[in-house]
């Protein structure tokens, strides 16, 4: 996964903890869903045992088609957790594809 995609998603998630227009959150769902779906696929192909599940759960939570009506406080926790997961596993995602 390109490092630019990882850091763009991290930056967008960090901005999401501040009050933003509803359009921002709609676009954020698309970005995060795409990034974490691709990360889940990458982790699955590389045969990591638990990472595909973690990425998949985050992707599902941010799915743009059927948004979950979580409270603002829960979304902030989810944003921070997604940032931590992406930054914590960025090195594994960046490995050169074989």
Protein backbone atom coordinates (compact mmCIF):
# COMPACT_ATOMS: atom_id res chain seq x y z
CA UNK A 1 0.00 0.00 0.00
CA UNK A 2 1.44 3.41 -0.88
CA UNK A 3 2.60 5.40 2.13
CA UNK A 4 0.76 8.43 0.76
CA UNK A 5 -2.59 6.60 1.07
CA UNK A 6 -1.79 5.65 4.66
CA UNK A 7 -0.82 9.17 5.72
CA UNK A 8 -3.69 10.80 3.81
CA UNK A 9 -6.14 8.55 5.64
CA UNK A 10 -4.45 9.21 8.98
CA UNK A 11 -4.58 12.98 8.41
CA UNK A 12 -8.24 12.84 7.39
CA UNK A 13 -9.11 10.79 10.48
CA UNK A 14 -7.24 13.22 12.73
CA UNK A 15 -9.23 16.14 11.30
CA UNK A 16 -12.47 14.23 11.88
CA UNK A 17 -12.25 14.73 15.65
CA UNK A 18 -13.02 18.41 15.06
CA UNK A 19 -16.49 19.62 14.00
CA UNK A 20 -16.65 19.44 10.21
CA UNK A 21 -19.45 19.70 7.61
CA UNK A 22 -21.45 16.53 6.97
CA UNK A 23 -19.96 16.25 3.47
CA UNK A 24 -16.51 15.83 5.03
CA UNK A 25 -17.67 12.82 7.05
CA UNK A 26 -19.33 11.30 3.98
CA UNK A 27 -16.10 11.60 1.99
CA UNK A 28 -14.14 10.34 4.99
CA UNK A 29 -16.25 7.17 5.06
CA UNK A 30 -15.38 6.49 1.42
CA UNK A 31 -11.66 7.13 1.98
CA UNK A 32 -11.41 5.06 5.17
CA UNK A 33 -13.52 2.24 3.75
CA UNK A 34 -11.30 2.03 0.67
CA UNK A 35 -8.05 2.21 2.61
CA UNK A 36 -9.02 -0.38 5.21
CA UNK A 37 -10.61 -2.70 2.64
CA UNK A 38 -7.39 -2.66 0.62
CA UNK A 39 -5.38 -3.13 3.82
CA UNK A 40 -7.54 -6.13 4.76
CA UNK A 41 -6.96 -7.65 1.32
CA UNK A 42 -3.22 -7.01 1.53
CA UNK A 43 -3.00 -8.54 5.00
CA UNK A 44 -5.02 -11.55 3.87
CA UNK A 45 -2.76 -12.14 0.86
CA UNK A 46 0.31 -11.87 3.08
CA UNK A 47 -1.27 -14.43 5.42
CA UNK A 48 -1.38 -12.33 8.58
CA UNK A 49 -3.70 -14.03 11.05
CA UNK A 50 -5.51 -11.21 12.87
CA UNK A 51 -4.86 -8.07 10.83
CA UNK A 52 -7.42 -8.81 8.09
CA UNK A 53 -10.11 -9.05 10.76
CA UNK A 54 -9.08 -5.78 12.42
CA UNK A 55 -8.97 -3.95 9.09
CA UNK A 56 -12.26 -5.50 8.03
CA UNK A 57 -14.05 -4.40 11.19
CA UNK A 58 -12.85 -0.82 10.74
CA UNK A 59 -13.84 -0.90 7.05
CA UNK A 60 -17.29 -2.20 7.99
CA UNK A 61 -17.76 0.50 10.63
CA UNK A 62 -16.92 3.21 8.08
CA UNK A 63 -18.87 1.70 5.18
CA UNK A 64 -20.38 4.50 3.06
CA UNK A 65 -23.48 2.60 1.91
CA UNK A 66 -25.15 1.93 5.26
CA UNK A 67 -23.65 4.35 7.80
CA UNK A 68 -23.89 3.34 11.44
CA UNK A 69 -25.58 5.93 13.70
CA UNK A 70 -22.87 5.97 16.37
CA UNK A 71 -22.67 8.86 18.84
CA UNK A 72 -20.12 11.62 18.26
CA UNK A 73 -18.04 10.38 21.19
CA UNK A 74 -17.91 6.84 19.81
CA UNK A 75 -16.88 8.11 16.37
CA UNK A 76 -13.98 9.99 17.94
CA UNK A 77 -12.85 6.81 19.71
CA UNK A 78 -13.18 4.89 16.45
CA UNK A 79 -11.20 7.57 14.56
CA UNK A 80 -8.37 7.41 17.11
CA UNK A 81 -8.39 3.60 17.06
CA UNK A 82 -8.23 3.57 13.25
CA UNK A 83 -5.30 6.00 13.30
CA UNK A 84 -3.47 3.88 15.88
CA UNK A 85 -4.06 0.71 13.87
CA UNK A 86 -2.88 2.25 10.61
CA UNK A 87 0.21 3.85 12.10
CA UNK A 88 1.03 0.77 14.15
CA UNK A 89 0.88 -1.53 11.16
CA UNK A 90 2.07 0.79 8.39
CA UNK A 91 5.40 -0.99 8.14
CA UNK A 92 3.67 -4.32 7.43
CA UNK A 93 1.47 -2.72 4.79
CA UNK A 94 4.41 -1.05 3.07
CA UNK A 95 6.43 -4.22 2.48
CA UNK A 96 7.43 -4.56 -1.14
CA UNK A 97 4.95 -6.73 -2.96
CA UNK A 98 6.40 -9.96 -4.28
